[in-house]
Amino acid sequence: MSKTLLDDLEYIHTKDSSDALGIAQHQTEQLTQPFETIALYDTKKPSKIVWAGMGGSALAPSLVQSWLSINVPFEITKNYELPHYVSEDTLVICTSYSGNTEETLSALENAKQKNAQIIIMSTGGALQKIAEEENIVFIEIQKVAQPRFSTFSQIGILGLILSRLGVTDVDEKLVLDSLHEVSTGLEEVIKNWAADVPTSDNRAKQIALDIAGTSPVIYGGPLMFPAAYKWKISFNENAKNVSWCNVIPEFSHNEFLGWTSHPVDKPYSVIDLRSTFEHPRVQKRFEVTERLLSGKRPAPTVIEAQGDSVLEHLLYCVALGDFVSMYTALLNGLDPTPVDLIERMKKALDE
């Protein structure tokens, strides 16, 4: 019955009213925007960088940290205030898809008080208004249905910023070429996960069926952990499903034991995001963990990242997670796009 459900295009289109699956299928197009036209004006090379953003607006920098070697301290802050060390030689990138996220607006005021260099990224809202009124560098984010669907676009923007400011050893041309190459290859892969591909040939549908009715726990090594975190967010927001994630090797020093005290029949599913670019000892830890925890936890669904670069591995995993979580939403009888309770939270905070 479930297989028939995920192959029922009428059911899918009825539930997926905002065409989240269509957005996921075409998200690689975000990697080929004309990023080179972005103007940074007189922004100088900083000694430190802080990215201020929440939720989907904080995904891109963690992925870029795995992709590019950044040669200045780079911190992601998800808070109302910035780190105490922020000063005139710090670049603060304030990002909010809507432009109205209260934590990000507060961080912006904090950045101004500290006389930091500032770049603002949004689709509009209060952030754009402040940028225009105070002559702050503004970069427009491509509009999509929800902030979490704009991750690929923000990766490209940040990659260009870092290369143009000279805080990574990868030059601007190579950054742009890499984005185009990944877009072309991943576009072909994603076609295999589309709604019109039957379950028998669709890896994303198969994984969704395997984990249905459970709380997914996703693991990645240091390079792939940002993708694991994206899976967590996608399960939370797309499928409205509780989910967790952790990173190996830290997992081996604590959480590893947490799986051993109860029967194997736990209400969880385990997903390993593995990459050949991870440190050899990290790769071995995945194998040893699977062996030692056999019979003590659900057997992991192993995702072997595909591609010829760290960026390809990351975005392969991210895209697959998007599809799996959306199909999980459909199995849950839900529309993947709306996040009504989050919107109610924002309104309640203003009452």
C-alpha atoms as a PDB file:
ATOM      1  CA  MET A   1       0.000   0.000   0.000  1.00  0.00           C
ATOM      2  CA  SER A   2       2.790   2.441   0.907  1.00  0.00           C
ATOM      3  CA  LYS A   3       4.616   1.750  -2.336  1.00  0.00           C
ATOM      4  CA  THR A   4       1.430   2.460  -4.242  1.00  0.00           C
ATOM      5  CA  LEU A   5       1.028   5.684  -2.249  1.00  0.00           C
ATOM      6  CA  LEU A   6       4.464   7.048  -3.205  1.00  0.00           C
ATOM      7  CA  ASP A   7       3.838   6.101  -6.829  1.00  0.00           C
ATOM      8  CA  ASP A   8       0.411   7.731  -6.889  1.00  0.00           C
ATOM      9  CA  LEU A   9       1.134  11.021  -8.654  1.00  0.00           C
ATOM     10  CA  GLU A  10      -2.365  12.330  -8.022  1.00  0.00           C
ATOM     11  CA  TYR A  11      -1.909  11.821  -4.276  1.00  0.00           C
ATOM     12  CA  ILE A  12       1.559  13.405  -4.386  1.00  0.00           C
ATOM     13  CA  HIS A  13       0.384  16.499  -6.253  1.00  0.00           C
ATOM     14  CA  THR A  14      -2.619  16.886  -3.941  1.00  0.00           C
ATOM     15  CA  LYS A  15      -0.527  16.737  -0.768  1.00  0.00           C
ATOM     16  CA  ASP A  16       2.523  18.587  -2.135  1.00  0.00           C
ATOM     17  CA  SER A  17       0.511  21.711  -2.896  1.00  0.00           C
ATOM     18  CA  SER A  18       3.550  24.011  -3.156  1.00  0.00           C
ATOM     19  CA  ASP A  19       5.509  21.547  -5.327  1.00  0.00           C
ATOM     20  CA  ALA A  20       8.332  21.056  -2.838  1.00  0.00           C
ATOM     21  CA  LEU A  21       9.456  17.998  -4.817  1.00  0.00           C
ATOM     22  CA  GLY A  22       9.660  20.133  -7.959  1.00  0.00           C
ATOM     23  CA  ILE A  23      11.743  22.737  -6.129  1.00  0.00           C
ATOM     24  CA  ALA A  24      14.063  19.996  -4.875  1.00  0.00           C
ATOM     25  CA  GLN A  25      14.425  18.608  -8.388  1.00  0.00           C
ATOM     26  CA  HIS A  26      15.449  21.982  -9.805  1.00  0.00           C
ATOM     27  CA  GLN A  27      17.504  23.335  -6.889  1.00  0.00           C
ATOM     28  CA  THR A  28      20.764  22.714  -8.776  1.00  0.00           C
ATOM     29  CA  GLU A  29      19.815  25.682 -10.953  1.00  0.00           C
ATOM     30  CA  GLN A  30      20.599  27.860  -7.941  1.00  0.00           C
ATOM     31  CA  LEU A  31      24.277  26.933  -8.355  1.00  0.00           C
ATOM     32  CA  THR A  32      24.486  28.572 -11.785  1.00  0.00           C
ATOM     33  CA  GLN A  33      23.217  32.032 -10.902  1.00  0.00           C
ATOM     34  CA  PRO A  34      25.376  34.953 -12.108  1.00  0.00           C
ATOM     35  CA  PHE A  35      27.164  35.186  -8.758  1.00  0.00           C
ATOM     36  CA  GLU A  36      29.981  37.170 -10.381  1.00  0.00           C
ATOM     37  CA  THR A  37      27.630  40.173 -10.659  1.00  0.00           C
ATOM     38  CA  ILE A  38      27.412  40.471  -6.866  1.00  0.00           C
ATOM     39  CA  ALA A  39      28.968  43.734  -5.692  1.00  0.00           C
ATOM     40  CA  LEU A  40      30.854  43.878  -2.390  1.00  0.00           C
ATOM     41  CA  TYR A  41      31.871  47.539  -2.928  1.00  0.00           C
ATOM     42  CA  ASP A  42      34.562  48.607  -0.447  1.00  0.00           C
ATOM     43  CA  THR A  43      34.395  45.540   1.816  1.00  0.00           C
ATOM     44  CA  LYS A  44      37.947  44.835   2.963  1.00  0.00           C
ATOM     45  CA  LYS A  45      39.631  41.541   3.741  1.00  0.00           C
ATOM     46  CA  PRO A  46      38.611  40.766   7.341  1.00  0.00           C
ATOM     47  CA  SER A  47      40.646  39.097  10.055  1.00  0.00           C
ATOM     48  CA  LYS A  48      37.529  37.251  11.303  1.00  0.00           C
ATOM     49  CA  ILE A  49      34.105  36.393   9.897  1.00  0.00           C
ATOM     50  CA  VAL A  50      30.838  35.819  11.738  1.00  0.00           C
ATOM     51  CA  TRP A  51      27.700  34.564   9.988  1.00  0.00           C
ATOM     52  CA  ALA A  52      24.528  35.534  11.866  1.00  0.00           C
ATOM     53  CA  GLY A  53      21.440  33.568  10.868  1.00  0.00           C
ATOM     54  CA  MET A  54      18.795  31.158  12.080  1.00  0.00           C
ATOM     55  CA  GLY A  55      17.281  27.918  10.765  1.00  0.00           C
ATOM     56  CA  GLY A  56      17.544  27.569   6.994  1.00  0.00           C
ATOM     57  CA  SER A  57      19.497  30.807   6.861  1.00  0.00           C
ATOM     58  CA  ALA A  58      22.348  29.198   8.817  1.00  0.00           C
ATOM     59  CA  LEU A  59      22.771  26.047   6.722  1.00  0.00           C
ATOM     60  CA  ALA A  60      24.980  27.335   3.912  1.00  0.00           C
ATOM     61  CA  PRO A  61      28.017  28.431   5.964  1.00  0.00           C
ATOM     62  CA  SER A  62      28.390  25.049   7.671  1.00  0.00           C
ATOM     63  CA  LEU A  63      28.434  23.355   4.258  1.00  0.00           C
ATOM     64  CA  VAL A  64      30.918  25.884   2.883  1.00  0.00           C
ATOM     65  CA  GLN A  65      33.211  25.282   5.854  1.00  0.00           C
ATOM     66  CA  SER A  66      33.498  21.652   4.712  1.00  0.00           C
ATOM     67  CA  TRP A  67      33.965  22.662   1.065  1.00  0.00           C
ATOM     68  CA  LEU A  68      36.487  25.522   1.255  1.00  0.00           C
ATOM     69  CA  SER A  69      39.555  25.985   3.414  1.00  0.00           C
ATOM     70  CA  ILE A  70      38.935  29.323   5.108  1.00  0.00           C
ATOM     71  CA  ASN A  71      42.143  30.940   6.382  1.00  0.00           C
ATOM     72  CA  VAL A  72      40.599  33.288   8.954  1.00  0.00           C
ATOM     73  CA  PRO A  73      38.456  32.380  11.986  1.00  0.00           C
ATOM     74  CA  PHE A  74      34.867  31.786  10.825  1.00  0.00           C
ATOM     75  CA  GLU A  75      32.005  31.352  13.287  1.00  0.00           C
ATOM     76  CA  ILE A  76      28.283  30.759  12.797  1.00  0.00           C
ATOM     77  CA  THR A  77      26.160  32.373  15.495  1.00  0.00           C
ATOM     78  CA  LYS A  78      22.471  31.586  16.030  1.00  0.00           C
ATOM     79  CA  ASN A  79      21.701  34.119  18.682  1.00  0.00           C
ATOM     80  CA  TYR A  80      20.564  37.660  19.446  1.00  0.00           C
ATOM     81  CA  GLU A  81      24.120  38.760  20.181  1.00  0.00           C
ATOM     82  CA  LEU A  82      27.478  38.407  18.509  1.00  0.00           C
ATOM     83  CA  PRO A  83      30.657  36.988  20.046  1.00  0.00           C
ATOM     84  CA  HIS A  84      32.538  39.444  22.265  1.00  0.00           C
ATOM     85  CA  TYR A  85      35.574  39.470  19.970  1.00  0.00           C
ATOM     86  CA  VAL A  86      33.701  41.111  17.066  1.00  0.00           C
ATOM     87  CA  SER A  87      35.353  44.441  16.194  1.00  0.00           C
ATOM     88  CA  GLU A  88      36.215  46.751  13.301  1.00  0.00           C
ATOM     89  CA  ASP A  89      38.261  44.080  11.533  1.00  0.00           C
ATOM     90  CA  THR A  90      35.436  41.506  11.663  1.00  0.00           C
ATOM     91  CA  LEU A  91      33.051  40.883   8.779  1.00  0.00           C
ATOM     92  CA  VAL A  92      29.536  40.104  10.001  1.00  0.00           C
ATOM     93  CA  ILE A  93      27.201  38.553   7.413  1.00  0.00           C
ATOM     94  CA  CYS A  94      23.612  39.004   8.602  1.00  0.00           C
ATOM     95  CA  THR A  95      21.307  36.591   6.813  1.00  0.00           C
ATOM     96  CA  SER A  96      17.554  36.150   7.011  1.00  0.00           C
ATOM     97  CA  TYR A  97      15.463  34.823   4.157  1.00  0.00           C
ATOM     98  CA  SER A  98      12.479  36.989   5.072  1.00  0.00           C
ATOM     99  CA  GLY A  99      14.614  39.869   6.260  1.00  0.00           C
ATOM    100  CA  ASN A 100      12.555  40.035   9.432  1.00  0.00           C
ATOM    101  CA  THR A 101      14.104  37.412  11.722  1.00  0.00           C
ATOM    102  CA  GLU A 102      14.339  39.066  15.124  1.00  0.00           C
ATOM    103  CA  GLU A 103      17.553  37.331  16.228  1.00  0.00           C
ATOM    104  CA  THR A 104      19.314  38.432  13.030  1.00  0.00           C
ATOM    105  CA  LEU A 105      18.037  42.013  13.316  1.00  0.00           C
ATOM    106  CA  SER A 106      19.364  42.097  16.877  1.00  0.00           C
ATOM    107  CA  ALA A 107      22.734  40.723  15.727  1.00  0.00           C
ATOM    108  CA  LEU A 108      22.857  43.436  13.061  1.00  0.00           C
ATOM    109  CA  GLU A 109      22.388  46.152  15.679  1.00  0.00           C
ATOM    110  CA  ASN A 110      25.134  44.520  17.726  1.00  0.00           C
ATOM    111  CA  ALA A 111      27.437  44.520  14.684  1.00  0.00           C
ATOM    112  CA  LYS A 112      26.788  48.215  14.119  1.00  0.00           C
ATOM    113  CA  GLN A 113      27.584  48.977  17.766  1.00  0.00           C
ATOM    114  CA  LYS A 114      30.900  47.162  17.364  1.00  0.00           C
ATOM    115  CA  ASN A 115      31.687  49.034  14.106  1.00  0.00           C
ATOM    116  CA  ALA A 116      32.130  45.754  12.255  1.00  0.00           C
ATOM    117  CA  GLN A 117      32.069  45.455   8.486  1.00  0.00           C
ATOM    118  CA  ILE A 118      28.601  44.225   7.493  1.00  0.00           C
ATOM    119  CA  ILE A 119      27.030  42.383   4.590  1.00  0.00           C
ATOM    120  CA  ILE A 120      23.266  41.810   4.608  1.00  0.00           C
ATOM    121  CA  MET A 121      21.580  38.956   2.747  1.00  0.00           C
ATOM    122  CA  SER A 122      17.794  38.561   2.433  1.00  0.00           C
ATOM    123  CA  THR A 123      14.885  38.565   0.004  1.00  0.00           C
ATOM    124  CA  GLY A 124      13.729  41.900   1.388  1.00  0.00           C
ATOM    125  CA  GLY A 125      12.014  42.871   4.641  1.00  0.00           C
ATOM    126  CA  ALA A 126      13.469  45.020   7.393  1.00  0.00           C
ATOM    127  CA  LEU A 127      17.039  43.957   6.622  1.00  0.00           C
ATOM    128  CA  GLN A 128      16.874  45.275   3.070  1.00  0.00           C
ATOM    129  CA  LYS A 129      15.332  48.521   4.284  1.00  0.00           C
ATOM    130  CA  ILE A 130      18.161  49.015   6.796  1.00  0.00           C
ATOM    131  CA  ALA A 131      20.758  48.212   4.137  1.00  0.00           C
ATOM    132  CA  GLU A 132      19.323  50.816   1.787  1.00  0.00           C
ATOM    133  CA  GLU A 133      18.910  53.485   4.460  1.00  0.00           C
ATOM    134  CA  GLU A 134      22.393  52.999   5.952  1.00  0.00           C
ATOM    135  CA  ASN A 135      24.327  52.193   2.761  1.00  0.00           C
ATOM    136  CA  ILE A 136      25.247  48.656   3.873  1.00  0.00           C
ATOM    137  CA  VAL A 137      26.232  46.050   1.269  1.00  0.00           C
ATOM    138  CA  PHE A 138      23.079  44.124   0.351  1.00  0.00           C
ATOM    139  CA  ILE A 139      22.885  40.798  -1.513  1.00  0.00           C
ATOM    140  CA  GLU A 140      19.480  39.584  -2.597  1.00  0.00           C
ATOM    141  CA  ILE A 141      18.669  35.910  -1.981  1.00  0.00           C
ATOM    142  CA  GLN A 142      16.732  34.117  -4.689  1.00  0.00           C
ATOM    143  CA  LYS A 143      13.094  33.684  -3.672  1.00  0.00           C
ATOM    144  CA  VAL A 144      11.797  30.147  -3.155  1.00  0.00           C
ATOM    145  CA  ALA A 145       8.966  28.606  -1.126  1.00  0.00           C
ATOM    146  CA  GLN A 146      10.840  28.376   2.203  1.00  0.00           C
ATOM    147  CA  PRO A 147      14.274  29.467   3.529  1.00  0.00           C
ATOM    148  CA  ARG A 148      15.507  25.877   3.727  1.00  0.00           C
ATOM    149  CA  PHE A 149      15.019  25.567  -0.037  1.00  0.00           C
ATOM    150  CA  SER A 150      17.513  28.386  -0.752  1.00  0.00           C
ATOM    151  CA  THR A 151      20.586  26.625   0.648  1.00  0.00           C
ATOM    152  CA  PHE A 152      22.260  26.003  -2.723  1.00  0.00           C
ATOM    153  CA  SER A 153      21.931  29.676  -3.658  1.00  0.00           C
ATOM    154  CA  GLN A 154      23.451  30.827  -0.373  1.00  0.00           C
ATOM    155  CA  ILE A 155      26.357  28.389  -0.786  1.00  0.00           C
ATOM    156  CA  GLY A 156      27.221  30.062  -4.084  1.00  0.00           C
ATOM    157  CA  ILE A 157      26.952  33.550  -2.627  1.00  0.00           C
ATOM    158  CA  LEU A 158      29.194  32.741   0.325  1.00  0.00           C
ATOM    159  CA  GLY A 159      31.707  30.925  -1.870  1.00  0.00           C
ATOM    160  CA  LEU A 160      32.031  34.048  -4.016  1.00  0.00           C
ATOM    161  CA  ILE A 161      32.348  36.346  -0.979  1.00  0.00           C
ATOM    162  CA  LEU A 162      35.133  34.259   0.551  1.00  0.00           C
ATOM    163  CA  SER A 163      37.091  33.913  -2.683  1.00  0.00           C
ATOM    164  CA  ARG A 164      36.740  37.582  -3.637  1.00  0.00           C
ATOM    165  CA  LEU A 165      37.892  38.738  -0.192  1.00  0.00           C
ATOM    166  CA  GLY A 166      40.916  36.451  -0.356  1.00  0.00           C
ATOM    167  CA  VAL A 167      40.149  34.451   2.774  1.00  0.00           C
ATOM    168  CA  THR A 168      40.292  31.098   0.967  1.00  0.00           C
ATOM    169  CA  ASP A 169      42.977  29.692  -1.302  1.00  0.00           C
ATOM    170  CA  VAL A 170      40.373  28.904  -3.974  1.00  0.00           C
ATOM    171  CA  ASP A 171      40.032  31.764  -6.442  1.00  0.00           C
ATOM    172  CA  GLU A 172      36.748  33.121  -7.720  1.00  0.00           C
ATOM    173  CA  LYS A 173      36.930  31.397 -11.105  1.00  0.00           C
ATOM    174  CA  LEU A 174      37.510  27.999  -9.540  1.00  0.00           C
ATOM    175  CA  VAL A 175      34.636  28.549  -7.099  1.00  0.00           C
ATOM    176  CA  LEU A 176      32.252  29.384  -9.946  1.00  0.00           C
ATOM    177  CA  ASP A 177      33.540  26.522 -12.122  1.00  0.00           C
ATOM    178  CA  SER A 178      33.069  24.083  -9.235  1.00  0.00           C
ATOM    179  CA  LEU A 179      29.475  25.212  -8.713  1.00  0.00           C
ATOM    180  CA  HIS A 180      28.690  24.740 -12.417  1.00  0.00           C
ATOM    181  CA  GLU A 181      30.285  21.283 -12.517  1.00  0.00           C
ATOM    182  CA  VAL A 182      28.377  20.098  -9.475  1.00  0.00           C
ATOM    183  CA  SER A 183      25.133  21.498 -10.861  1.00  0.00           C
ATOM    184  CA  THR A 184      25.498  19.556 -14.104  1.00  0.00           C
ATOM    185  CA  GLY A 185      26.361  16.229 -12.475  1.00  0.00           C
ATOM    186  CA  LEU A 186      23.857  16.431  -9.630  1.00  0.00           C
ATOM    187  CA  GLU A 187      21.027  17.428 -11.940  1.00  0.00           C
ATOM    188  CA  GLU A 188      21.291  14.047 -13.655  1.00  0.00           C
ATOM    189  CA  VAL A 189      21.436  12.157 -10.348  1.00  0.00           C
ATOM    190  CA  ILE A 190      18.403  13.945  -8.920  1.00  0.00           C
ATOM    191  CA  LYS A 191      16.250  12.826 -11.844  1.00  0.00           C
ATOM    192  CA  ASN A 192      16.414   9.322 -10.361  1.00  0.00           C
ATOM    193  CA  TRP A 193      14.630  10.540  -7.192  1.00  0.00           C
ATOM    194  CA  ALA A 194      11.793  12.432  -8.903  1.00  0.00           C
ATOM    195  CA  ALA A 195       8.138  11.740  -8.130  1.00  0.00           C
ATOM    196  CA  ASP A 196       7.496  10.037 -11.482  1.00  0.00           C
ATOM    197  CA  VAL A 197      10.273   7.463 -10.904  1.00  0.00           C
ATOM    198  CA  PRO A 198       8.676   4.337  -9.384  1.00  0.00           C
ATOM    199  CA  THR A 199       9.663   3.076  -5.962  1.00  0.00           C
ATOM    200  CA  SER A 200      11.390   0.038  -7.463  1.00  0.00           C
ATOM    201  CA  ASP A 201      13.955   2.369  -9.091  1.00  0.00           C
ATOM    202  CA  ASN A 202      13.863   5.279  -6.649  1.00  0.00           C
ATOM    203  CA  ARG A 203      16.397   5.223  -3.789  1.00  0.00           C
ATOM    204  CA  ALA A 204      14.790   8.179  -2.004  1.00  0.00           C
ATOM    205  CA  LYS A 205      11.361   6.526  -1.921  1.00  0.00           C
ATOM    206  CA  GLN A 206      12.902   3.261  -0.736  1.00  0.00           C
ATOM    207  CA  ILE A 207      14.668   4.948   2.189  1.00  0.00           C
ATOM    208  CA  ALA A 208      11.491   6.825   3.164  1.00  0.00           C
ATOM    209  CA  LEU A 209       9.581   3.557   3.260  1.00  0.00           C
ATOM    210  CA  ASP A 210      12.314   1.853   5.296  1.00  0.00           C
ATOM    211  CA  ILE A 211      12.308   4.539   8.003  1.00  0.00           C
ATOM    212  CA  ALA A 212       8.575   5.285   8.056  1.00  0.00           C
ATOM    213  CA  GLY A 213       7.157   5.491  11.566  1.00  0.00           C
ATOM    214  CA  THR A 214      10.530   6.026  13.239  1.00  0.00           C
ATOM    215  CA  SER A 215      12.614   8.951  14.465  1.00  0.00           C
ATOM    216  CA  PRO A 216      15.690   9.178  12.213  1.00  0.00           C
ATOM    217  CA  VAL A 217      19.165   9.614  13.704  1.00  0.00           C
ATOM    218  CA  ILE A 218      21.729  10.765  11.139  1.00  0.00           C
ATOM    219  CA  TYR A 219      25.493  10.468  11.479  1.00  0.00           C
ATOM    220  CA  GLY A 220      28.297  12.008   9.463  1.00  0.00           C
ATOM    221  CA  GLY A 221      32.007  12.547   9.780  1.00  0.00           C
ATOM    222  CA  PRO A 222      33.355  16.101  10.197  1.00  0.00           C
ATOM    223  CA  LEU A 223      33.089  16.830   6.461  1.00  0.00           C
ATOM    224  CA  MET A 224      29.606  15.394   5.977  1.00  0.00           C
ATOM    225  CA  PHE A 225      28.139  16.457   9.322  1.00  0.00           C
ATOM    226  CA  PRO A 226      26.651  19.663   7.833  1.00  0.00           C
ATOM    227  CA  ALA A 227      24.704  17.439   5.433  1.00  0.00           C
ATOM    228  CA  ALA A 228      23.602  15.261   8.366  1.00  0.00           C
ATOM    229  CA  TYR A 229      22.359  18.403  10.114  1.00  0.00           C
ATOM    230  CA  LYS A 230      20.478  19.352   6.932  1.00  0.00           C
ATOM    231  CA  TRP A 231      18.802  15.915   6.978  1.00  0.00           C
ATOM    232  CA  LYS A 232      17.726  16.594  10.571  1.00  0.00           C
ATOM    233  CA  ILE A 233      16.252  19.967   9.642  1.00  0.00           C
ATOM    234  CA  SER A 234      14.555  18.503   6.570  1.00  0.00           C
ATOM    235  CA  PHE A 235      12.917  15.760   8.628  1.00  0.00           C
ATOM    236  CA  ASN A 236      11.823  18.361  11.196  1.00  0.00           C
ATOM    237  CA  GLU A 237      10.377  20.876   8.736  1.00  0.00           C
ATOM    238  CA  ASN A 238       9.376  18.791   5.721  1.00  0.00           C
ATOM    239  CA  ALA A 239       8.114  15.633   7.445  1.00  0.00           C
ATOM    240  CA  LYS A 240       7.257  17.277  10.804  1.00  0.00           C
ATOM    241  CA  ASN A 241       9.224  14.369  12.241  1.00  0.00           C
ATOM    242  CA  VAL A 242      11.473  14.408  15.299  1.00  0.00           C
ATOM    243  CA  SER A 243      15.061  13.707  14.264  1.00  0.00           C
ATOM    244  CA  TRP A 244      18.594  13.957  15.644  1.00  0.00           C
ATOM    245  CA  CYS A 245      22.120  14.034  14.288  1.00  0.00           C
ATOM    246  CA  ASN A 246      25.669  13.681  15.560  1.00  0.00           C
ATOM    247  CA  VAL A 247      29.232  13.645  14.296  1.00  0.00           C
ATOM    248  CA  ILE A 248      31.826  10.895  14.274  1.00  0.00           C
ATOM    249  CA  PRO A 249      34.369  10.629  15.952  1.00  0.00           C
ATOM    250  CA  GLU A 250      32.742  12.502  18.897  1.00  0.00           C
ATOM    251  CA  PHE A 251      29.908   9.944  18.793  1.00  0.00           C
ATOM    252  CA  SER A 252      32.416   7.206  19.661  1.00  0.00           C
ATOM    253  CA  HIS A 253      33.231   8.846  22.992  1.00  0.00           C
ATOM    254  CA  ASN A 254      29.701   9.031  24.445  1.00  0.00           C
ATOM    255  CA  GLU A 255      26.574   8.441  22.362  1.00  0.00           C
ATOM    256  CA  PHE A 256      27.997   5.134  21.149  1.00  0.00           C
ATOM    257  CA  LEU A 257      27.226   3.634  24.565  1.00  0.00           C
ATOM    258  CA  GLY A 258      23.736   5.091  24.579  1.00  0.00           C
ATOM    259  CA  TRP A 259      22.626   2.477  22.069  1.00  0.00           C
ATOM    260  CA  THR A 260      23.678  -0.488  24.214  1.00  0.00           C
ATOM    261  CA  SER A 261      21.325  -0.581  27.201  1.00  0.00           C
ATOM    262  CA  HIS A 262      18.005  -1.424  25.535  1.00  0.00           C
ATOM    263  CA  PRO A 263      16.688  -3.981  23.040  1.00  0.00           C
ATOM    264  CA  VAL A 264      17.463  -3.544  19.374  1.00  0.00           C
ATOM    265  CA  ASP A 265      13.782  -2.893  18.646  1.00  0.00           C
ATOM    266  CA  LYS A 266      13.961   0.851  19.234  1.00  0.00           C
ATOM    267  CA  PRO A 267      11.638   3.448  17.647  1.00  0.00           C
ATOM    268  CA  TYR A 268      14.519   4.936  15.650  1.00  0.00           C
ATOM    269  CA  SER A 269      16.176   4.524  12.289  1.00  0.00           C
ATOM    270  CA  VAL A 270      19.901   5.091  11.788  1.00  0.00           C
ATOM    271  CA  ILE A 271      21.323   6.768   8.687  1.00  0.00           C
ATOM    272  CA  ASP A 272      25.066   6.990   8.017  1.00  0.00           C
ATOM    273  CA  LEU A 273      26.341   9.592   5.547  1.00  0.00           C
ATOM    274  CA  ARG A 274      29.726   8.260   4.492  1.00  0.00           C
ATOM    275  CA  SER A 275      32.342   9.886   2.284  1.00  0.00           C
ATOM    276  CA  THR A 276      35.691   8.692   0.986  1.00  0.00           C
ATOM    277  CA  PHE A 277      36.994  12.208   1.637  1.00  0.00           C
ATOM    278  CA  GLU A 278      36.687  11.764   5.403  1.00  0.00           C
ATOM    279  CA  HIS A 279      39.805  11.016   7.452  1.00  0.00           C
ATOM    280  CA  PRO A 280      40.676   7.279   7.130  1.00  0.00           C
ATOM    281  CA  ARG A 281      40.168   6.784  10.871  1.00  0.00           C
ATOM    282  CA  VAL A 282      36.688   8.305  10.635  1.00  0.00           C
ATOM    283  CA  GLN A 283      35.828   5.902   7.827  1.00  0.00           C
ATOM    284  CA  LYS A 284      37.044   2.998   9.934  1.00  0.00           C
ATOM    285  CA  ARG A 285      35.013   4.204  12.923  1.00  0.00           C
ATOM    286  CA  PHE A 286      31.831   3.899  10.861  1.00  0.00           C
ATOM    287  CA  GLU A 287      32.696   0.294  10.031  1.00  0.00           C
ATOM    288  CA  VAL A 288      33.694  -0.633  13.591  1.00  0.00           C
ATOM    289  CA  THR A 289      30.609   1.083  15.017  1.00  0.00           C
ATOM    290  CA  GLU A 290      28.314  -0.852  12.705  1.00  0.00           C
ATOM    291  CA  ARG A 291      29.949  -4.123  13.755  1.00  0.00           C
ATOM    292  CA  LEU A 292      30.056  -3.479  17.511  1.00  0.00           C
ATOM    293  CA  LEU A 293      26.496  -2.165  17.699  1.00  0.00           C
ATOM    294  CA  SER A 294      25.044  -4.933  15.558  1.00  0.00           C
ATOM    295  CA  GLY A 295      22.058  -6.324  17.447  1.00  0.00           C
ATOM    296  CA  LYS A 296      21.946  -3.355  19.802  1.00  0.00           C
ATOM    297  CA  ARG A 297      20.392  -0.777  17.493  1.00  0.00           C
ATOM    298  CA  PRO A 298      18.579  -0.775  14.134  1.00  0.00           C
ATOM    299  CA  ALA A 299      20.945  -1.606  11.278  1.00  0.00           C
ATOM    300  CA  PRO A 300      22.015   1.652   9.616  1.00  0.00           C
ATOM    301  CA  THR A 301      20.939   2.782   6.183  1.00  0.00           C
ATOM    302  CA  VAL A 302      24.294   3.586   4.615  1.00  0.00           C
ATOM    303  CA  ILE A 303      24.492   6.470   2.156  1.00  0.00           C
ATOM    304  CA  GLU A 304      27.733   6.423   0.168  1.00  0.00           C
ATOM    305  CA  ALA A 305      28.215   9.982  -1.082  1.00  0.00           C
ATOM    306  CA  GLN A 306      28.749  10.225  -4.837  1.00  0.00           C
ATOM    307  CA  GLY A 307      30.965  12.546  -6.863  1.00  0.00           C
ATOM    308  CA  ASP A 308      34.560  13.616  -7.388  1.00  0.00           C
ATOM    309  CA  SER A 309      34.860  16.382  -4.789  1.00  0.00           C
ATOM    310  CA  VAL A 310      33.872  17.252  -1.236  1.00  0.00           C
ATOM    311  CA  LEU A 311      31.310  19.718  -2.592  1.00  0.00           C
ATOM    312  CA  GLU A 312      29.729  17.040  -4.780  1.00  0.00           C
ATOM    313  CA  HIS A 313      29.573  14.626  -1.843  1.00  0.00           C
ATOM    314  CA  LEU A 314      27.973  17.259   0.376  1.00  0.00           C
ATOM    315  CA  LEU A 315      25.320  18.339  -2.090  1.00  0.00           C
ATOM    316  CA  TYR A 316      24.560  14.771  -3.161  1.00  0.00           C
ATOM    317  CA  CYS A 317      23.766  13.977   0.479  1.00  0.00           C
ATOM    318  CA  VAL A 318      21.811  17.204   0.990  1.00  0.00           C
ATOM    319  CA  ALA A 319      19.668  16.645  -2.106  1.00  0.00           C
ATOM    320  CA  LEU A 320      18.957  13.005  -1.261  1.00  0.00           C
ATOM    321  CA  GLY A 321      17.910  14.050   2.253  1.00  0.00           C
ATOM    322  CA  ASP A 322      15.514  16.612   0.806  1.00  0.00           C
ATOM    323  CA  PHE A 323      13.744  13.964  -1.253  1.00  0.00           C
ATOM    324  CA  VAL A 324      13.704  11.348   1.518  1.00  0.00           C
ATOM    325  CA  SER A 325      12.201  13.815   3.991  1.00  0.00           C
ATOM    326  CA  MET A 326       9.574  14.968   1.500  1.00  0.00           C
ATOM    327  CA  TYR A 327       8.521  11.415   0.742  1.00  0.00           C
ATOM    328  CA  THR A 328       8.407  10.804   4.496  1.00  0.00           C
ATOM    329  CA  ALA A 329       6.064  13.783   4.777  1.00  0.00           C
ATOM    330  CA  LEU A 330       3.785  12.234   2.164  1.00  0.00           C
ATOM    331  CA  LEU A 331       3.823   8.925   4.052  1.00  0.00           C
ATOM    332  CA  ASN A 332       2.862  10.947   7.144  1.00  0.00           C
ATOM    333  CA  GLY A 333      -0.045  12.372   5.158  1.00  0.00           C
ATOM    334  CA  LEU A 334       1.425  15.902   5.283  1.00  0.00           C
ATOM    335  CA  ASP A 335       2.334  18.746   2.939  1.00  0.00           C
ATOM    336  CA  PRO A 336       6.157  19.161   3.069  1.00  0.00           C
ATOM    337  CA  THR A 337       6.217  22.942   2.698  1.00  0.00           C
ATOM    338  CA  PRO A 338       4.206  24.738   5.433  1.00  0.00           C
ATOM    339  CA  VAL A 339       5.723  25.381   8.860  1.00  0.00           C
ATOM    340  CA  ASP A 340       2.600  26.834  10.448  1.00  0.00           C
ATOM    341  CA  LEU A 341       3.596  26.234  14.065  1.00  0.00           C
ATOM    342  CA  ILE A 342       6.851  28.141  13.591  1.00  0.00           C
ATOM    343  CA  GLU A 343       4.875  31.071  12.217  1.00  0.00           C
ATOM    344  CA  ARG A 344       2.535  30.874  15.221  1.00  0.00           C
ATOM    345  CA  MET A 345       5.561  30.937  17.521  1.00  0.00           C
ATOM    346  CA  LYS A 346       6.790  34.157  15.894  1.00  0.00           C
ATOM    347  CA  LYS A 347       3.364  35.799  16.269  1.00  0.00           C
ATOM    348  CA  ALA A 348       3.014  34.641  19.877  1.00  0.00           C
ATOM    349  CA  LEU A 349       6.366  36.215  20.758  1.00  0.00           C
ATOM    350  CA  ASP A 350       4.996  39.584  19.603  1.00  0.00           C
ATOM    351  CA  GLU A 351       1.786  39.380  21.637  1.00  0.00           C
END
